[in-house]
Amino acid sequence: MLTILQGIGLLLLTLTLFSLFSTKMPKGGKAMSGLANAAVATFLVEAIHKYITGDLLNISFLSTVGSTSGSLGGVAAVILVSLSMGSNPVFSVAAGVAVGGFGILPGFIAGYVVGLISPLLEKKLPEGLNIIIGALLIAPLARLLAFAVDPIVNATLVNIGNMITVAAEQSPLIMGFLLGGIMKMICTSPLSSMALTAMLGLKGLAMGIASIACVGGSFTNGIIFHKLKLGNKSNVIAVMLEPLTQAHIITKNAIPIYCSNFIGGGLAGLSAAFFKIINNAPGTASPIPGLLAPFAFNTPKNVIFALIFAILGGTVAGILGGIVFKNKRNTSCTPEIDSEIA
C-alpha cells in the first residue's frame, strides 16, 4: 500500500507542477505541446518501426529508421518545443542538433530556454548577421543547458517515473485503475498526457496502463458527447481521436466529462493490468499512439483482448456518465455548438 501511495502521490505532485508550468510560465502550454509532438516523432516511430516492422517483420531498413528516431528524442524536443514557442527555425535546428546524445527531457528544457531568448536575439543582433551570429551563440548554449540539467532530470523526474513503474508492477490491478483513471483525465484535459509520460520516462506496465487507458477512455468521451448532445458528429469523432481539439467544450462541462473519464480510464487501465500490457515507448499516452505502440512489445492476442475490454469499460463508463449527468450539460460553449444542439 505504501508503494501505491508513493506512486500516486508523486504522480499527483508532478501533475500539479506540470499544470502550473503549462498555465503560469511564459508560453508554457506551447512548450508542452512541442514536447508531446517530439514524443510522437521519436518514441512512437521507434516503437512501430523498430519493434514491429523491424524486429517482428524483419525489415532491417525500417528497424534502423526506428532506432535512429528513438535516439534523437532530445534533438526533436529542442526543435519542436522552441518552434512551438515561435523561435526562428534556423535557431531551433542549430540548438537541436547541438544537443545530440541527450534525452528528451534535457532537450525540452534547452528548447524552452531557446524558445524564450530566440526572439530577443533575432531582434537585438545586427540585421543581416542576426541569423549567423544567433545560430553560433544558441548552439553551445543549448548544449550547455542540456549538459547542466541532465543529472537533475535523472535524479528527479526519471526517478519519479521509475517509482510509478515499480508501484504498477507490485500492485497492478489497483494501480491499473488509479493510474488509468488519472491518465485519461490528463489526456482529456488541456494538459498533455503524452508530454507528462515523456517527462516521467514511463515504461513497462505503467506506460501500458496509460496508453490503453487513453484508448478505452476515448470511447467514454465519444459516448458522453453523444449522450449529452455536446456538438454534432464531427465533435464526437474529434474528441475520440484527439480530446484537445474539443477543449472549449470540455472545460465548460468539466465535471461530467472528467468524472466519466476517470471511471472509463480506470476500467481500461484494469484491462491493461490484467493482460500485463507493457509499453516501452514513453510519451505514447494518447488514443492513436496508445492503440499502436503496445503491439510493439506484447503478443498481438494480448493487446487485442486488452483493447476489447478497455473499449467495453470505456463504453460502460460513458453510458453511466450519460445517465448520471444527463441534466448537467452546459450548452453555452460556442454559438456554433448552441445552434447545432438546437
Protein backbone atom coordinates (compact mmCIF):
# COMPACT_ATOMS: atom_id res chain seq x y z
CA MET A 1 0.00 0.00 0.00
CA LEU A 2 2.87 2.37 0.79
CA THR A 3 4.28 1.85 -2.70
CA ILE A 4 0.89 2.66 -4.24
CA LEU A 5 0.55 5.82 -2.14
CA GLN A 6 4.06 6.90 -3.08
CA GLY A 7 3.48 6.24 -6.76
CA ILE A 8 0.13 8.05 -6.95
CA GLY A 9 1.34 10.83 -4.65
CA LEU A 10 4.39 11.53 -6.80
CA LEU A 11 2.26 11.41 -9.94
CA LEU A 12 -0.17 13.97 -8.49
CA LEU A 13 2.73 16.16 -7.37
CA THR A 14 4.25 16.02 -10.84
CA LEU A 15 0.85 16.75 -12.36
CA THR A 16 0.46 19.81 -10.15
CA LEU A 17 3.87 21.16 -11.14
CA PHE A 18 3.17 20.26 -14.76
CA SER A 19 -0.13 22.17 -14.63
CA LEU A 20 1.50 25.21 -13.03
CA PHE A 21 4.22 25.24 -15.67
CA SER A 22 1.71 24.95 -18.50
CA THR A 23 -0.55 27.72 -17.21
CA LYS A 24 1.76 30.11 -15.39
CA MET A 25 5.11 30.05 -17.18
CA PRO A 26 5.56 32.17 -20.32
CA LYS A 27 4.44 30.09 -23.33
CA GLY A 28 4.30 27.02 -21.07
CA GLY A 29 1.36 25.47 -22.89
CA LYS A 30 3.05 25.85 -26.27
CA ALA A 31 6.23 24.29 -24.91
CA MET A 32 4.32 21.27 -23.62
CA SER A 33 2.60 20.88 -26.98
CA GLY A 34 6.02 20.81 -28.62
CA LEU A 35 7.20 18.14 -26.17
CA ALA A 36 4.18 15.95 -26.96
CA ASN A 37 4.88 16.28 -30.68
CA ALA A 38 8.51 15.35 -30.10
CA ALA A 39 7.43 12.18 -28.27
CA VAL A 40 5.29 11.12 -31.23
CA ALA A 41 8.01 11.98 -33.77
CA THR A 42 10.61 9.87 -31.95
CA PHE A 43 9.22 7.33 -29.47
CA LEU A 44 6.16 6.32 -31.49
CA VAL A 45 8.20 5.97 -34.68
CA GLU A 46 10.75 3.91 -32.76
CA ALA A 47 8.07 1.65 -31.25
CA ILE A 48 6.37 0.91 -34.55
CA HIS A 49 9.33 0.72 -36.93
CA LYS A 50 11.98 -0.76 -34.68
CA TYR A 51 9.90 -3.37 -32.89
CA ILE A 52 7.04 -4.16 -35.28
CA THR A 53 8.04 -3.54 -38.90
CA GLY A 54 11.70 -4.01 -37.97
CA ASP A 55 12.13 -6.83 -35.46
CA LEU A 56 8.79 -8.58 -35.96
CA LEU A 57 8.54 -8.34 -39.75
CA ASN A 58 12.32 -8.48 -40.12
CA ILE A 59 12.67 -5.36 -42.32
CA SER A 60 16.12 -4.15 -41.34
CA PHE A 61 15.81 -0.78 -43.06
CA LEU A 62 12.75 0.15 -41.01
CA SER A 63 14.41 -1.18 -37.87
CA THR A 64 17.23 1.29 -38.48
CA VAL A 65 14.69 4.05 -39.04
CA GLY A 66 13.09 3.28 -35.69
CA SER A 67 16.36 3.03 -33.78
CA THR A 68 17.62 6.29 -35.23
CA SER A 69 14.38 8.12 -34.49
CA GLY A 70 14.29 6.88 -30.90
CA SER A 71 17.84 8.06 -30.26
CA LEU A 72 17.04 11.63 -31.29
CA GLY A 73 14.42 12.49 -28.68
CA GLY A 74 16.47 15.35 -27.29
CA VAL A 75 17.12 16.83 -30.72
CA ALA A 76 13.43 16.66 -31.63
CA ALA A 77 12.41 18.19 -28.30
CA VAL A 78 14.65 21.23 -28.71
CA ILE A 79 13.48 21.84 -32.25
CA LEU A 80 9.75 21.30 -31.76
CA VAL A 81 9.50 23.00 -28.35
CA SER A 82 11.30 26.13 -29.49
CA LEU A 83 9.41 26.20 -32.80
CA SER A 84 6.10 25.92 -30.93
CA MET A 85 7.14 28.93 -28.91
CA GLY A 86 7.86 30.98 -32.02
CA SER A 87 11.61 30.56 -32.40
CA ASN A 88 13.39 31.22 -35.68
CA PRO A 89 13.63 27.82 -37.47
CA VAL A 90 17.38 28.21 -38.02
CA PHE A 91 17.93 28.84 -34.30
CA SER A 92 15.73 25.87 -33.40
CA VAL A 93 17.60 23.46 -35.65
CA ALA A 94 21.02 24.83 -34.64
CA ALA A 95 20.13 24.28 -30.98
CA GLY A 96 18.55 20.90 -31.66
CA VAL A 97 21.45 19.29 -33.48
CA ALA A 98 23.81 20.63 -30.81
CA VAL A 99 22.18 18.51 -28.09
CA GLY A 100 22.61 15.21 -29.91
CA GLY A 101 23.13 12.40 -27.41
CA PHE A 102 20.92 13.87 -24.70
CA GLY A 103 17.43 12.64 -23.84
CA ILE A 104 14.07 14.23 -24.45
CA LEU A 105 13.84 15.94 -21.05
CA PRO A 106 17.14 17.85 -21.18
CA GLY A 107 16.16 18.66 -24.75
CA PHE A 108 12.83 20.02 -23.55
CA ILE A 109 14.47 22.36 -21.05
CA ALA A 110 17.05 23.55 -23.56
CA GLY A 111 14.29 24.04 -26.14
CA TYR A 112 12.22 26.08 -23.70
CA VAL A 113 15.10 28.46 -22.97
CA VAL A 114 15.89 28.75 -26.69
CA GLY A 115 12.23 29.50 -27.36
CA LEU A 116 12.34 32.34 -24.84
CA ILE A 117 15.58 34.00 -25.94
CA SER A 118 15.42 33.36 -29.68
CA PRO A 119 13.11 36.30 -30.50
CA LEU A 120 15.25 38.62 -28.36
CA LEU A 121 18.47 37.60 -30.11
CA GLU A 122 16.91 37.96 -33.53
CA LYS A 123 15.73 41.45 -32.63
CA LYS A 124 18.89 42.71 -30.93
CA LEU A 125 21.57 41.38 -33.27
CA PRO A 126 22.54 43.37 -36.38
CA GLU A 127 20.24 42.75 -39.31
CA GLY A 128 21.88 40.55 -41.92
CA LEU A 129 24.11 38.90 -39.34
CA ASN A 130 21.47 38.01 -36.78
CA ILE A 131 20.83 34.54 -38.17
CA ILE A 132 24.51 33.56 -38.38
CA ILE A 133 25.57 35.04 -35.06
CA GLY A 134 22.41 33.79 -33.35
CA ALA A 135 22.97 30.23 -34.52
CA LEU A 136 26.59 30.33 -33.37
CA LEU A 137 25.54 31.57 -29.93
CA ILE A 138 22.49 29.38 -29.40
CA ALA A 139 24.11 26.05 -30.35
CA PRO A 140 26.66 25.95 -27.49
CA LEU A 141 24.12 27.48 -25.08
CA ALA A 142 21.65 24.68 -25.80
CA ARG A 143 24.34 22.03 -25.33
CA LEU A 144 25.45 23.61 -22.06
CA LEU A 145 21.88 23.70 -20.74
CA ALA A 146 21.26 20.07 -21.64
CA PHE A 147 24.54 19.05 -20.00
CA ALA A 148 23.73 21.02 -16.83
CA VAL A 149 20.21 19.72 -16.29
CA ASP A 150 20.77 16.10 -17.32
CA PRO A 151 21.84 14.87 -13.83
CA ILE A 152 19.00 16.80 -12.18
CA VAL A 153 16.42 15.34 -14.56
CA ASN A 154 17.69 11.82 -13.95
CA ALA A 155 17.55 12.35 -10.19
CA THR A 156 14.00 13.74 -10.12
CA LEU A 157 11.55 13.18 -12.96
CA VAL A 158 13.03 9.91 -14.20
CA ASN A 159 13.21 8.65 -10.61
CA ILE A 160 9.54 9.53 -10.10
CA GLY A 161 8.69 7.65 -13.29
CA ASN A 162 10.62 4.64 -12.02
CA MET A 163 8.72 4.68 -8.72
CA ILE A 164 5.37 4.79 -10.53
CA THR A 165 6.54 1.88 -12.67
CA VAL A 166 7.51 -0.13 -9.57
CA ALA A 167 4.15 0.61 -7.95
CA ALA A 168 2.34 -0.61 -11.07
CA GLU A 169 4.33 -3.83 -11.10
CA GLN A 170 3.80 -4.53 -7.38
CA SER A 171 0.06 -3.73 -7.33
CA PRO A 172 -1.02 -3.98 -10.97
CA LEU A 173 -4.82 -4.01 -10.58
CA ILE A 174 -5.03 -1.18 -8.06
CA MET A 175 -2.55 0.93 -10.00
CA GLY A 176 -4.27 -0.09 -13.21
CA PHE A 177 -7.48 1.56 -12.08
CA LEU A 178 -5.94 4.61 -10.35
CA LEU A 179 -3.22 5.31 -12.91
CA GLY A 180 -5.56 4.61 -15.82
CA GLY A 181 -8.21 6.95 -14.45
CA ILE A 182 -5.77 9.77 -13.74
CA MET A 183 -4.02 9.45 -17.09
CA LYS A 184 -7.28 9.53 -19.04
CA MET A 185 -8.33 12.67 -17.19
CA ILE A 186 -5.00 14.24 -18.11
CA CYS A 187 -5.40 13.04 -21.70
CA THR A 188 -8.75 14.85 -21.89
CA SER A 189 -7.63 17.98 -20.07
CA PRO A 190 -5.85 20.95 -21.69
CA LEU A 191 -2.65 19.33 -20.40
CA SER A 192 -0.94 16.59 -22.37
CA SER A 193 -0.67 13.00 -21.21
CA MET A 194 1.90 12.44 -23.96
CA ALA A 195 4.09 15.23 -22.61
CA LEU A 196 3.67 14.10 -19.00
CA THR A 197 4.56 10.46 -19.67
CA ALA A 198 7.51 11.60 -21.79
CA MET A 199 8.72 13.82 -18.95
CA LEU A 200 8.48 10.94 -16.50
CA GLY A 201 10.02 8.47 -18.93
CA LEU A 202 7.31 5.94 -18.09
CA LYS A 203 7.93 2.44 -19.39
CA GLY A 204 6.73 -1.10 -18.79
CA LEU A 205 3.34 -1.86 -17.29
CA ALA A 206 2.77 1.73 -16.10
CA MET A 207 3.13 3.05 -19.64
CA GLY A 208 0.99 0.18 -20.93
CA ILE A 209 -1.76 1.15 -18.50
CA ALA A 210 -1.52 4.81 -19.53
CA SER A 211 -1.69 4.07 -23.25
CA ILE A 212 -4.56 1.55 -23.08
CA ALA A 213 -6.47 3.86 -20.72
CA CYS A 214 -6.32 6.63 -23.30
CA VAL A 215 -7.73 4.30 -25.94
CA GLY A 216 -10.58 2.93 -23.80
CA GLY A 217 -11.38 6.35 -22.38
CA SER A 218 -11.73 7.82 -25.85
CA PHE A 219 -14.97 5.80 -26.16
CA THR A 220 -16.10 7.30 -22.86
CA ASN A 221 -15.60 10.74 -24.37
CA GLY A 222 -17.45 9.89 -27.55
CA ILE A 223 -20.47 8.48 -25.73
CA ILE A 224 -20.59 11.35 -23.23
CA PHE A 225 -20.53 13.89 -26.07
CA HIS A 226 -23.27 11.96 -27.86
CA LYS A 227 -25.46 11.41 -24.79
CA LEU A 228 -25.17 15.00 -23.56
CA LYS A 229 -25.52 16.35 -27.12
CA LEU A 230 -22.29 18.32 -26.91
CA GLY A 231 -21.95 19.29 -30.55
CA ASN A 232 -22.51 17.22 -33.66
CA LYS A 233 -20.99 14.04 -35.09
CA SER A 234 -17.76 15.78 -36.06
CA ASN A 235 -17.28 16.89 -32.43
CA VAL A 236 -17.85 13.33 -31.25
CA ILE A 237 -15.28 11.91 -33.67
CA ALA A 238 -12.79 14.68 -32.90
CA VAL A 239 -12.95 14.21 -29.12
CA MET A 240 -12.37 10.48 -29.54
CA LEU A 241 -9.31 10.96 -31.75
CA GLU A 242 -7.78 13.98 -30.01
CA PRO A 243 -9.57 15.44 -26.96
CA LEU A 244 -7.58 18.69 -27.05
CA THR A 245 -9.43 19.74 -30.21
CA GLN A 246 -12.61 20.00 -28.13
CA ALA A 247 -11.10 21.80 -25.14
CA HIS A 248 -13.63 24.64 -25.47
CA ILE A 249 -16.48 22.16 -24.83
CA ILE A 250 -14.66 20.02 -22.26
CA THR A 251 -13.77 22.95 -20.00
CA LYS A 252 -17.44 24.05 -19.98
CA ASN A 253 -18.56 20.54 -18.98
CA ALA A 254 -15.64 19.53 -16.79
CA ILE A 255 -17.47 17.62 -14.04
CA PRO A 256 -19.44 15.14 -16.20
CA ILE A 257 -16.56 14.61 -18.63
CA TYR A 258 -13.72 14.23 -16.13
CA CYS A 259 -15.72 12.06 -13.71
CA SER A 260 -16.76 9.75 -16.52
CA ASN A 261 -13.20 9.72 -17.86
CA PHE A 262 -11.77 8.67 -14.51
CA ILE A 263 -14.08 5.64 -14.45
CA GLY A 264 -13.56 4.84 -18.14
CA GLY A 265 -9.79 5.23 -17.94
CA GLY A 266 -9.72 3.24 -14.71
CA LEU A 267 -11.63 0.32 -16.21
CA ALA A 268 -9.43 0.42 -19.30
CA GLY A 269 -6.35 0.51 -17.06
CA LEU A 270 -7.63 -2.58 -15.25
CA SER A 271 -7.81 -4.35 -18.60
CA ALA A 272 -4.21 -3.39 -19.38
CA ALA A 273 -3.05 -4.57 -15.96
CA PHE A 274 -4.95 -7.88 -16.21
CA PHE A 275 -3.41 -8.70 -19.59
CA LYS A 276 0.00 -7.43 -18.44
CA ILE A 277 0.40 -4.95 -21.29
CA ILE A 278 3.81 -3.32 -21.32
CA ASN A 279 4.83 -0.32 -23.37
CA ASN A 280 8.45 0.80 -23.54
CA ALA A 281 7.71 3.84 -25.71
CA PRO A 282 7.35 6.79 -23.30
CA GLY A 283 5.09 9.61 -24.40
CA THR A 284 2.56 7.48 -26.32
CA ALA A 285 -0.33 8.09 -23.92
CA SER A 286 -2.92 9.26 -26.44
CA PRO A 287 -5.71 7.45 -28.32
CA ILE A 288 -3.92 6.75 -31.61
CA PRO A 289 -0.32 6.28 -30.33
CA GLY A 290 -1.71 4.30 -27.40
CA LEU A 291 -3.52 2.00 -29.80
CA LEU A 292 -0.42 1.27 -31.90
CA ALA A 293 2.58 1.24 -29.54
CA PRO A 294 1.61 -1.76 -27.33
CA PHE A 295 1.73 -4.08 -30.36
CA ALA A 296 5.49 -3.50 -30.44
CA PHE A 297 6.06 -5.04 -27.00
CA ASN A 298 3.33 -7.65 -26.46
CA THR A 299 1.76 -10.58 -28.25
CA PRO A 300 -0.96 -9.30 -30.60
CA LYS A 301 -3.58 -11.54 -28.92
CA ASN A 302 -3.00 -9.96 -25.51
CA VAL A 303 -3.13 -6.44 -26.91
CA ILE A 304 -6.34 -7.14 -28.84
CA PHE A 305 -8.05 -8.63 -25.79
CA ALA A 306 -6.85 -5.74 -23.61
CA LEU A 307 -8.19 -3.24 -26.14
CA ILE A 308 -11.54 -5.02 -26.44
CA PHE A 309 -12.13 -4.99 -22.68
CA ALA A 310 -10.75 -1.45 -22.42
CA ILE A 311 -13.25 -0.29 -25.03
CA LEU A 312 -16.04 -2.14 -23.21
CA GLY A 313 -15.03 -0.47 -19.95
CA GLY A 314 -14.86 2.94 -21.59
CA THR A 315 -18.25 2.39 -23.20
CA VAL A 316 -19.87 1.37 -19.89
CA ALA A 317 -18.41 4.45 -18.19
CA GLY A 318 -19.73 6.65 -21.00
CA ILE A 319 -23.24 5.20 -20.76
CA LEU A 320 -23.28 5.56 -16.96
CA GLY A 321 -21.95 9.10 -17.21
CA GLY A 322 -24.60 9.97 -19.76
CA ILE A 323 -27.32 8.72 -17.37
CA VAL A 324 -25.93 10.33 -14.22
CA PHE A 325 -25.12 13.69 -15.80
CA LYS A 326 -27.93 13.89 -18.38
CA ASN A 327 -29.16 17.22 -16.94
CA LYS A 328 -25.71 18.66 -16.25
CA ARG A 329 -24.57 19.69 -19.72
CA ASN A 330 -23.52 23.25 -20.48
CA THR A 331 -24.66 24.34 -23.93
CA SER A 332 -23.06 27.79 -23.79
CA CYS A 333 -19.74 26.63 -25.25
CA THR A 334 -19.87 28.50 -28.55
CA PRO A 335 -22.60 29.94 -30.75
CA GLU A 336 -21.88 27.21 -33.30
CA ILE A 337 -22.37 24.44 -30.73
CA ASP A 338 -25.57 26.07 -29.46
CA SER A 339 -27.06 26.23 -32.94
CA GLU A 340 -26.10 22.61 -33.63
CA ILE A 341 -27.72 21.43 -30.42
CA ALA A 342 -30.86 23.46 -31.08
